[in-house]
PDB file of N, CA and C in Angstrom:
ATOM      1  N   ASP A   1     -46.436 210.166   5.986  1.00  0.00           N
ATOM      2  CA  ASP A   1     -45.713 211.414   6.084  1.00  0.00           C
ATOM      3  C   ASP A   1     -46.713 212.557   5.951  1.00  0.00           C
ATOM      4  N   THR A   2     -46.746 213.444   6.927  1.00  0.00           N
ATOM      5  CA  THR A   2     -47.723 214.530   6.911  1.00  0.00           C
ATOM      6  C   THR A   2     -47.131 215.862   6.496  1.00  0.00           C
ATOM      7  N   LEU A   3     -45.835 215.911   6.199  1.00  0.00           N
ATOM      8  CA  LEU A   3     -45.191 217.171   5.846  1.00  0.00           C
ATOM      9  C   LEU A   3     -45.061 217.302   4.339  1.00  0.00           C
ATOM     10  N   SER A   4     -45.304 218.498   3.878  1.00  0.00           N
ATOM     11  CA  SER A   4     -45.138 218.758   2.447  1.00  0.00           C
ATOM     12  C   SER A   4     -43.666 218.680   2.091  1.00  0.00           C
ATOM     13  N   CYS A   5     -43.386 218.353   0.843  1.00  0.00           N
ATOM     14  CA  CYS A   5     -41.991 218.168   0.443  1.00  0.00           C
ATOM     15  C   CYS A   5     -41.505 219.283  -0.479  1.00  0.00           C
ATOM     16  N   TYR A   6     -42.216 220.374  -0.543  1.00  0.00           N
ATOM     17  CA  TYR A   6     -41.772 221.487  -1.382  1.00  0.00           C
ATOM     18  C   TYR A   6     -41.262 222.620  -0.496  1.00  0.00           C
ATOM     19  N   PRO A   7     -40.399 223.491  -1.004  1.00  0.00           N
ATOM     20  CA  PRO A   7     -39.853 224.584  -0.177  1.00  0.00           C
ATOM     21  C   PRO A   7     -40.930 225.633   0.122  1.00  0.00           C
ATOM     22  N   TYR A   8     -40.842 226.209   1.314  1.00  0.00           N
ATOM     23  CA  TYR A   8     -41.771 227.261   1.704  1.00  0.00           C
ATOM     24  C   TYR A   8     -41.190 228.602   1.283  1.00  0.00           C
ATOM     25  N   VAL A   9     -41.977 229.414   0.597  1.00  0.00           N
ATOM     26  CA  VAL A   9     -41.493 230.668   0.035  1.00  0.00           C
ATOM     27  C   VAL A   9     -41.470 231.782   1.083  1.00  0.00           C
ATOM     28  N   LYS A  10     -42.535 231.914   1.886  1.00  0.00           N
ATOM     29  CA  LYS A  10     -42.657 233.044   2.805  1.00  0.00           C
ATOM     30  C   LYS A  10     -42.029 232.786   4.169  1.00  0.00           C
ATOM     31  N   ASN A  11     -42.171 231.592   4.698  1.00  0.00           N
ATOM     32  CA  ASN A  11     -41.621 231.298   6.030  1.00  0.00           C
ATOM     33  C   ASN A  11     -41.354 229.808   6.169  1.00  0.00           C
ATOM     34  N   ASP A  12     -40.544 229.473   7.151  1.00  0.00           N
ATOM     35  CA  ASP A  12     -40.222 228.076   7.447  1.00  0.00           C
ATOM     36  C   ASP A  12     -41.020 227.670   8.681  1.00  0.00           C
ATOM     37  N   PRO A  13     -41.960 226.724   8.570  1.00  0.00           N
ATOM     38  CA  PRO A  13     -42.802 226.363   9.716  1.00  0.00           C
ATOM     39  C   PRO A  13     -42.040 225.657  10.840  1.00  0.00           C
ATOM     40  N   PHE A  14     -40.795 225.291  10.617  1.00  0.00           N
ATOM     41  CA  PHE A  14     -40.023 224.587  11.639  1.00  0.00           C
ATOM     42  C   PHE A  14     -39.146 225.530  12.467  1.00  0.00           C
ATOM     43  N   ILE A  15     -39.199 226.815  12.203  1.00  0.00           N
ATOM     44  CA  ILE A  15     -38.429 227.797  12.970  1.00  0.00           C
ATOM     45  C   ILE A  15     -39.348 228.458  13.986  1.00  0.00           C
ATOM     46  N   ILE A  16     -38.925 228.467  15.251  1.00  0.00           N
ATOM     47  CA  ILE A  16     -39.685 229.123  16.315  1.00  0.00           C
ATOM     48  C   ILE A  16     -39.193 230.562  16.398  1.00  0.00           C
ATOM     49  N   ASN A  17     -40.071 231.520  16.076  1.00  0.00           N
ATOM     50  CA  ASN A  17     -39.683 232.927  16.048  1.00  0.00           C
ATOM     51  C   ASN A  17     -39.700 233.575  17.429  1.00  0.00           C
ATOM     52  N   ASP A  18     -40.616 233.160  18.293  1.00  0.00           N
ATOM     53  CA  ASP A  18     -40.738 233.726  19.634  1.00  0.00           C
ATOM     54  C   ASP A  18     -40.294 232.699  20.664  1.00  0.00           C
ATOM     55  N   THR A  19     -39.749 233.185  21.766  1.00  0.00           N
ATOM     56  CA  THR A  19     -39.299 232.291  22.833  1.00  0.00           C
ATOM     57  C   THR A  19     -40.509 231.788  23.616  1.00  0.00           C
ATOM     58  N   PRO A  20     -40.718 230.469  23.706  1.00  0.00           N
ATOM     59  CA  PRO A  20     -41.848 229.942  24.474  1.00  0.00           C
ATOM     60  C   PRO A  20     -41.537 229.951  25.972  1.00  0.00           C
ATOM     61  N   HIS A  21     -42.578 229.924  26.794  1.00  0.00           N
ATOM     62  CA  HIS A  21     -42.396 229.798  28.245  1.00  0.00           C
ATOM     63  C   HIS A  21     -42.185 228.339  28.627  1.00  0.00           C
ATOM     64  N   VAL A  22     -42.769 227.428  27.837  1.00  0.00           N
ATOM     65  CA  VAL A  22     -42.661 225.988  28.098  1.00  0.00           C
ATOM     66  C   VAL A  22     -42.336 225.288  26.781  1.00  0.00           C
ATOM     67  N   PHE A  23     -41.377 224.359  26.839  1.00  0.00           N
ATOM     68  CA  PHE A  23     -41.029 223.550  25.669  1.00  0.00           C
ATOM     69  C   PHE A  23     -40.972 222.107  26.144  1.00  0.00           C
ATOM     70  N   PHE A  24     -41.824 221.247  25.585  1.00  0.00           N
ATOM     71  CA  PHE A  24     -41.877 219.869  26.072  1.00  0.00           C
ATOM     72  C   PHE A  24     -41.739 218.874  24.936  1.00  0.00           C
ATOM     73  N   ALA A  25     -41.254 217.692  25.309  1.00  0.00           N
ATOM     74  CA  ALA A  25     -41.125 216.582  24.369  1.00  0.00           C
ATOM     75  C   ALA A  25     -41.790 215.368  24.998  1.00  0.00           C
ATOM     76  N   GLY A  26     -42.721 214.766  24.299  1.00  0.00           N
ATOM     77  CA  GLY A  26     -43.430 213.601  24.807  1.00  0.00           C
ATOM     78  C   GLY A  26     -42.779 212.301  24.393  1.00  0.00           C
ATOM     79  N   ASN A  27     -43.268 211.204  25.004  1.00  0.00           N
ATOM     80  CA  ASN A  27     -42.813 209.846  24.698  1.00  0.00           C
ATOM     81  C   ASN A  27     -41.315 209.667  24.967  1.00  0.00           C
ATOM     82  N   GLN A  28     -40.834 210.272  26.035  1.00  0.00           N
ATOM     83  CA  GLN A  28     -39.427 210.173  26.415  1.00  0.00           C
ATOM     84  C   GLN A  28     -39.212 208.977  27.346  1.00  0.00           C
ATOM     85  N   PRO A  29     -37.981 208.465  27.472  1.00  0.00           N
ATOM     86  CA  PRO A  29     -37.720 207.297  28.321  1.00  0.00           C
ATOM     87  C   PRO A  29     -38.009 207.545  29.798  1.00  0.00           C
ATOM     88  N   LYS A  30     -37.808 208.795  30.274  1.00  0.00           N
ATOM     89  CA  LYS A  30     -38.083 209.105  31.681  1.00  0.00           C
ATOM     90  C   LYS A  30     -38.368 210.592  31.820  1.00  0.00           C
ATOM     91  N   PHE A  31     -38.935 210.962  32.979  1.00  0.00           N
ATOM     92  CA  PHE A  31     -39.242 212.357  33.268  1.00  0.00           C
ATOM     93  C   PHE A  31     -37.959 213.139  33.514  1.00  0.00           C
ATOM     94  N   GLY A  32     -37.927 214.340  33.018  1.00  0.00           N
ATOM     95  CA  GLY A  32     -36.811 215.235  33.279  1.00  0.00           C
ATOM     96  C   GLY A  32     -37.250 216.665  33.047  1.00  0.00           C
ATOM     97  N   THR A  33     -36.673 217.599  33.786  1.00  0.00           N
ATOM     98  CA  THR A  33     -37.024 219.002  33.618  1.00  0.00           C
ATOM     99  C   THR A  33     -35.852 219.892  33.991  1.00  0.00           C
ATOM    100  N   ARG A  34     -35.770 221.024  33.323  1.00  0.00           N
ATOM    101  CA  ARG A  34     -34.764 222.049  33.608  1.00  0.00           C
ATOM    102  C   ARG A  34     -35.413 223.408  33.359  1.00  0.00           C
ATOM    103  N   LEU A  35     -34.951 224.403  34.087  1.00  0.00           N
ATOM    104  CA  LEU A  35     -35.382 225.774  33.840  1.00  0.00           C
ATOM    105  C   LEU A  35     -34.225 226.503  33.173  1.00  0.00           C
ATOM    106  N   PHE A  36     -34.418 226.855  31.914  1.00  0.00           N
ATOM    107  CA  PHE A  36     -33.395 227.569  31.159  1.00  0.00           C
ATOM    108  C   PHE A  36     -33.583 229.059  31.395  1.00  0.00           C
ATOM    109  N   LYS A  37     -32.510 229.734  31.781  1.00  0.00           N
ATOM    110  CA  LYS A  37     -32.550 231.184  31.985  1.00  0.00           C
ATOM    111  C   LYS A  37     -31.669 231.833  30.930  1.00  0.00           C
ATOM    112  N   GLY A  38     -32.288 232.663  30.104  1.00  0.00           N
ATOM    113  CA  GLY A  38     -31.571 233.314  29.024  1.00  0.00           C
ATOM    114  C   GLY A  38     -31.394 234.796  29.270  1.00  0.00           C
ATOM    115  N   PRO A  39     -30.948 235.516  28.259  1.00  0.00           N
ATOM    116  CA  PRO A  39     -30.755 236.960  28.405  1.00  0.00           C
ATOM    117  C   PRO A  39     -32.085 237.690  28.580  1.00  0.00           C
ATOM    118  N   ASN A  40     -32.017 238.873  29.149  1.00  0.00           N
ATOM    119  CA  ASN A  40     -33.203 239.721  29.358  1.00  0.00           C
ATOM    120  C   ASN A  40     -34.251 239.056  30.239  1.00  0.00           C
ATOM    121  N   ASN A  41     -33.801 238.254  31.216  1.00  0.00           N
ATOM    122  CA  ASN A  41     -34.693 237.618  32.197  1.00  0.00           C
ATOM    123  C   ASN A  41     -35.669 236.624  31.559  1.00  0.00           C
ATOM    124  N   ILE A  42     -35.305 236.030  30.444  1.00  0.00           N
ATOM    125  CA  ILE A  42     -36.156 235.043  29.780  1.00  0.00           C
ATOM    126  C   ILE A  42     -36.016 233.698  30.489  1.00  0.00           C
ATOM    127  N   LYS A  43     -37.159 233.061  30.792  1.00  0.00           N
ATOM    128  CA  LYS A  43     -37.161 231.739  31.418  1.00  0.00           C
ATOM    129  C   LYS A  43     -37.986 230.790  30.558  1.00  0.00           C
ATOM    130  N   VAL A  44     -37.423 229.607  30.306  1.00  0.00           N
ATOM    131  CA  VAL A  44     -38.129 228.575  29.546  1.00  0.00           C
ATOM    132  C   VAL A  44     -38.039 227.275  30.332  1.00  0.00           C
ATOM    133  N   ARG A  45     -39.196 226.680  30.649  1.00  0.00           N
ATOM    134  CA  ARG A  45     -39.232 225.382  31.333  1.00  0.00           C
ATOM    135  C   ARG A  45     -39.148 224.299  30.271  1.00  0.00           C
ATOM    136  N   LEU A  46     -38.103 223.470  30.337  1.00  0.00           N
ATOM    137  CA  LEU A  46     -37.914 222.338  29.426  1.00  0.00           C
ATOM    138  C   LEU A  46     -38.402 221.083  30.135  1.00  0.00           C
ATOM    139  N   ILE A  47     -39.253 220.289  29.484  1.00  0.00           N
ATOM    140  CA  ILE A  47     -39.844 219.116  30.129  1.00  0.00           C
ATOM    141  C   ILE A  47     -39.773 217.908  29.201  1.00  0.00           C
ATOM    142  N   CYS A  48     -39.268 216.786  29.720  1.00  0.00           N
ATOM    143  CA  CYS A  48     -39.343 215.489  29.042  1.00  0.00           C
ATOM    144  C   CYS A  48     -40.481 214.719  29.696  1.00  0.00           C
ATOM    145  N   ILE A  49     -41.471 214.333  28.914  1.00  0.00           N
ATOM    146  CA  ILE A  49     -42.657 213.648  29.431  1.00  0.00           C
ATOM    147  C   ILE A  49     -42.611 212.190  29.001  1.00  0.00           C
ATOM    148  N   PRO A  50     -42.616 211.251  29.983  1.00  0.00           N
ATOM    149  CA  PRO A  50     -42.559 209.831  29.624  1.00  0.00           C
ATOM    150  C   PRO A  50     -43.904 209.316  29.116  1.00  0.00           C
ATOM    151  N   CYS A  51     -43.860 208.187  28.440  1.00  0.00           N
ATOM    152  CA  CYS A  51     -45.068 207.518  27.964  1.00  0.00           C
ATOM    153  C   CYS A  51     -45.873 207.031  29.165  1.00  0.00           C
ATOM    154  N   PHE A  52     -47.151 207.417  29.268  1.00  0.00           N
ATOM    155  CA  PHE A  52     -47.969 207.048  30.420  1.00  0.00           C
ATOM    156  C   PHE A  52     -48.141 205.532  30.524  1.00  0.00           C
ATOM    157  N   ALA A  53     -48.301 204.858  29.399  1.00  0.00           N
ATOM    158  CA  ALA A  53     -48.517 203.407  29.407  1.00  0.00           C
ATOM    159  C   ALA A  53     -47.333 202.654  30.005  1.00  0.00           C
ATOM    160  N   GLN A  54     -46.135 203.195  29.890  1.00  0.00           N
ATOM    161  CA  GLN A  54     -44.947 202.532  30.424  1.00  0.00           C
ATOM    162  C   GLN A  54     -44.557 203.025  31.812  1.00  0.00           C
ATOM    163  N   SER A  55     -44.781 204.306  32.099  1.00  0.00           N
ATOM    164  CA  SER A  55     -44.305 204.873  33.366  1.00  0.00           C
ATOM    165  C   SER A  55     -45.391 205.011  34.425  1.00  0.00           C
ATOM    166  N   ASN A  56     -46.668 204.937  34.036  1.00  0.00           N
ATOM    167  CA  ASN A  56     -47.789 205.171  34.952  1.00  0.00           C
ATOM    168  C   ASN A  56     -47.648 206.509  35.662  1.00  0.00           C
ATOM    169  N   SER A  57     -47.166 207.502  34.949  1.00  0.00           N
ATOM    170  CA  SER A  57     -47.016 208.828  35.542  1.00  0.00           C
ATOM    171  C   SER A  57     -47.346 209.904  34.515  1.00  0.00           C
ATOM    172  N   CYS A  58     -47.697 211.076  35.038  1.00  0.00           N
ATOM    173  CA  CYS A  58     -47.955 212.235  34.193  1.00  0.00           C
ATOM    174  C   CYS A  58     -47.217 213.425  34.794  1.00  0.00           C
ATOM    175  N   VAL A  59     -47.318 214.573  34.168  1.00  0.00           N
ATOM    176  CA  VAL A  59     -46.585 215.754  34.609  1.00  0.00           C
ATOM    177  C   VAL A  59     -47.575 216.876  34.894  1.00  0.00           C
ATOM    178  N   ALA A  60     -47.385 217.546  36.039  1.00  0.00           N
ATOM    179  CA  ALA A  60     -48.188 218.714  36.400  1.00  0.00           C
ATOM    180  C   ALA A  60     -47.296 219.948  36.322  1.00  0.00           C
ATOM    181  N   LEU A  61     -47.795 220.985  35.676  1.00  0.00           N
ATOM    182  CA  LEU A  61     -47.031 222.216  35.495  1.00  0.00           C
ATOM    183  C   LEU A  61     -47.846 223.393  36.003  1.00  0.00           C
ATOM    184  N   ASN A  62     -47.256 224.194  36.889  1.00  0.00           N
ATOM    185  CA  ASN A  62     -47.869 225.432  37.348  1.00  0.00           C
ATOM    186  C   ASN A  62     -47.459 226.524  36.363  1.00  0.00           C
ATOM    187  N   LEU A  63     -48.408 227.045  35.605  1.00  0.00           N
ATOM    188  CA  LEU A  63     -48.090 228.028  34.573  1.00  0.00           C
ATOM    189  C   LEU A  63     -47.675 229.380  35.144  1.00  0.00           C
ATOM    190  N   ASN A  64     -48.065 229.676  36.390  1.00  0.00           N
ATOM    191  CA  ASN A  64     -47.670 230.948  37.005  1.00  0.00           C
ATOM    192  C   ASN A  64     -46.213 230.936  37.451  1.00  0.00           C
ATOM    193  N   THR A  65     -45.763 229.820  38.044  1.00  0.00           N
ATOM    194  CA  THR A  65     -44.404 229.743  38.590  1.00  0.00           C
ATOM    195  C   THR A  65     -43.461 228.908  37.731  1.00  0.00           C
ATOM    196  N   LEU A  66     -43.997 228.168  36.765  1.00  0.00           N
ATOM    197  CA  LEU A  66     -43.262 227.226  35.919  1.00  0.00           C
ATOM    198  C   LEU A  66     -42.666 226.065  36.716  1.00  0.00           C
ATOM    199  N   GLU A  67     -43.186 225.819  37.939  1.00  0.00           N
ATOM    200  CA  GLU A  67     -42.769 224.643  38.704  1.00  0.00           C
ATOM    201  C   GLU A  67     -43.401 223.411  38.078  1.00  0.00           C
ATOM    202  N   CYS A  68     -42.650 222.310  38.077  1.00  0.00           N
ATOM    203  CA  CYS A  68     -43.073 221.106  37.385  1.00  0.00           C
ATOM    204  C   CYS A  68     -42.822 219.891  38.267  1.00  0.00           C
ATOM    205  N   HIS A  69     -43.793 218.960  38.321  1.00  0.00           N
ATOM    206  CA  HIS A  69     -43.665 217.750  39.130  1.00  0.00           C
ATOM    207  C   HIS A  69     -44.210 216.556  38.359  1.00  0.00           C
ATOM    208  N   GLU A  70     -43.617 215.409  38.609  1.00  0.00           N
ATOM    209  CA  GLU A  70     -44.126 214.156  38.058  1.00  0.00           C
ATOM    210  C   GLU A  70     -45.109 213.565  39.056  1.00  0.00           C
ATOM    211  N   ILE A  71     -46.245 213.081  38.574  1.00  0.00           N
ATOM    212  CA  ILE A  71     -47.251 212.442  39.421  1.00  0.00           C
ATOM    213  C   ILE A  71     -47.332 210.977  39.029  1.00  0.00           C
ATOM    214  N   SER A  72     -47.080 210.089  40.004  1.00  0.00           N
ATOM    215  CA  SER A  72     -47.058 208.649  39.751  1.00  0.00           C
ATOM    216  C   SER A  72     -48.389 208.024  40.141  1.00  0.00           C
ATOM    217  N   PHE A  73     -48.895 207.115  39.312  1.00  0.00           N
ATOM    218  CA  PHE A  73     -50.131 206.393  39.572  1.00  0.00           C
ATOM    219  C   PHE A  73     -49.869 204.901  39.767  1.00  0.00           C
ATOM    220  N   GLU A  74     -48.667 204.544  40.204  1.00  0.00           N
ATOM    221  CA  GLU A  74     -48.332 203.131  40.388  1.00  0.00           C
ATOM    222  C   GLU A  74     -49.062 202.523  41.577  1.00  0.00           C
ATOM    223  N   ASN A  75     -49.340 203.303  42.613  1.00  0.00           N
ATOM    224  CA  ASN A  75     -50.053 202.819  43.797  1.00  0.00           C
ATOM    225  C   ASN A  75     -51.521 203.207  43.700  1.00  0.00           C
ATOM    226  N   GLN A  76     -52.295 202.863  44.715  1.00  0.00           N
ATOM    227  CA  GLN A  76     -53.713 203.218  44.756  1.00  0.00           C
ATOM    228  C   GLN A  76     -53.900 204.738  44.832  1.00  0.00           C
ATOM    229  N   THR A  77     -52.995 205.423  45.550  1.00  0.00           N
ATOM    230  CA  THR A  77     -53.085 206.865  45.723  1.00  0.00           C
ATOM    231  C   THR A  77     -52.010 207.545  44.877  1.00  0.00           C
ATOM    232  N   PRO A  78     -52.393 208.518  44.032  1.00  0.00           N
ATOM    233  CA  PRO A  78     -51.380 209.227  43.249  1.00  0.00           C
ATOM    234  C   PRO A  78     -50.368 209.924  44.151  1.00  0.00           C
ATOM    235  N   GLN A  79     -49.096 209.893  43.775  1.00  0.00           N
ATOM    236  CA  GLN A  79     -48.039 210.496  44.576  1.00  0.00           C
ATOM    237  C   GLN A  79     -47.215 211.435  43.709  1.00  0.00           C
ATOM    238  N   ILE A  80     -46.887 212.608  44.294  1.00  0.00           N
ATOM    239  CA  ILE A  80     -45.992 213.542  43.616  1.00  0.00           C
ATOM    240  C   ILE A  80     -44.567 213.106  43.895  1.00  0.00           C
ATOM    241  N   ILE A  81     -43.785 212.950  42.848  1.00  0.00           N
ATOM    242  CA  ILE A  81     -42.389 212.536  42.978  1.00  0.00           C
ATOM    243  C   ILE A  81     -41.534 213.794  42.995  1.00  0.00           C
ATOM    244  N   GLN A  82     -40.747 213.952  44.049  1.00  0.00           N
ATOM    245  CA  GLN A  82     -39.893 215.154  44.168  1.00  0.00           C
ATOM    246  C   GLN A  82     -38.587 214.941  43.477  1.00  0.00           C
TER     247      GLN A  82
END
């Protein structure tokens, strides 16, 4: 266990104060992505990233456009999965 077990006096390290542009979770069963659009034109790319050892794939993210694609390495040539 790497987390301290005493209460934090000044702030809670588990609360996200600012809205991120990208929020991802690794070691997921399969690839998945959604673009969340919130108030005031806020956009957050949500990404589920699968385990590479099981899926033979990784995720490419364009930080300018927030477009996201899964890249498969199952064949000799890497392929972008649409």
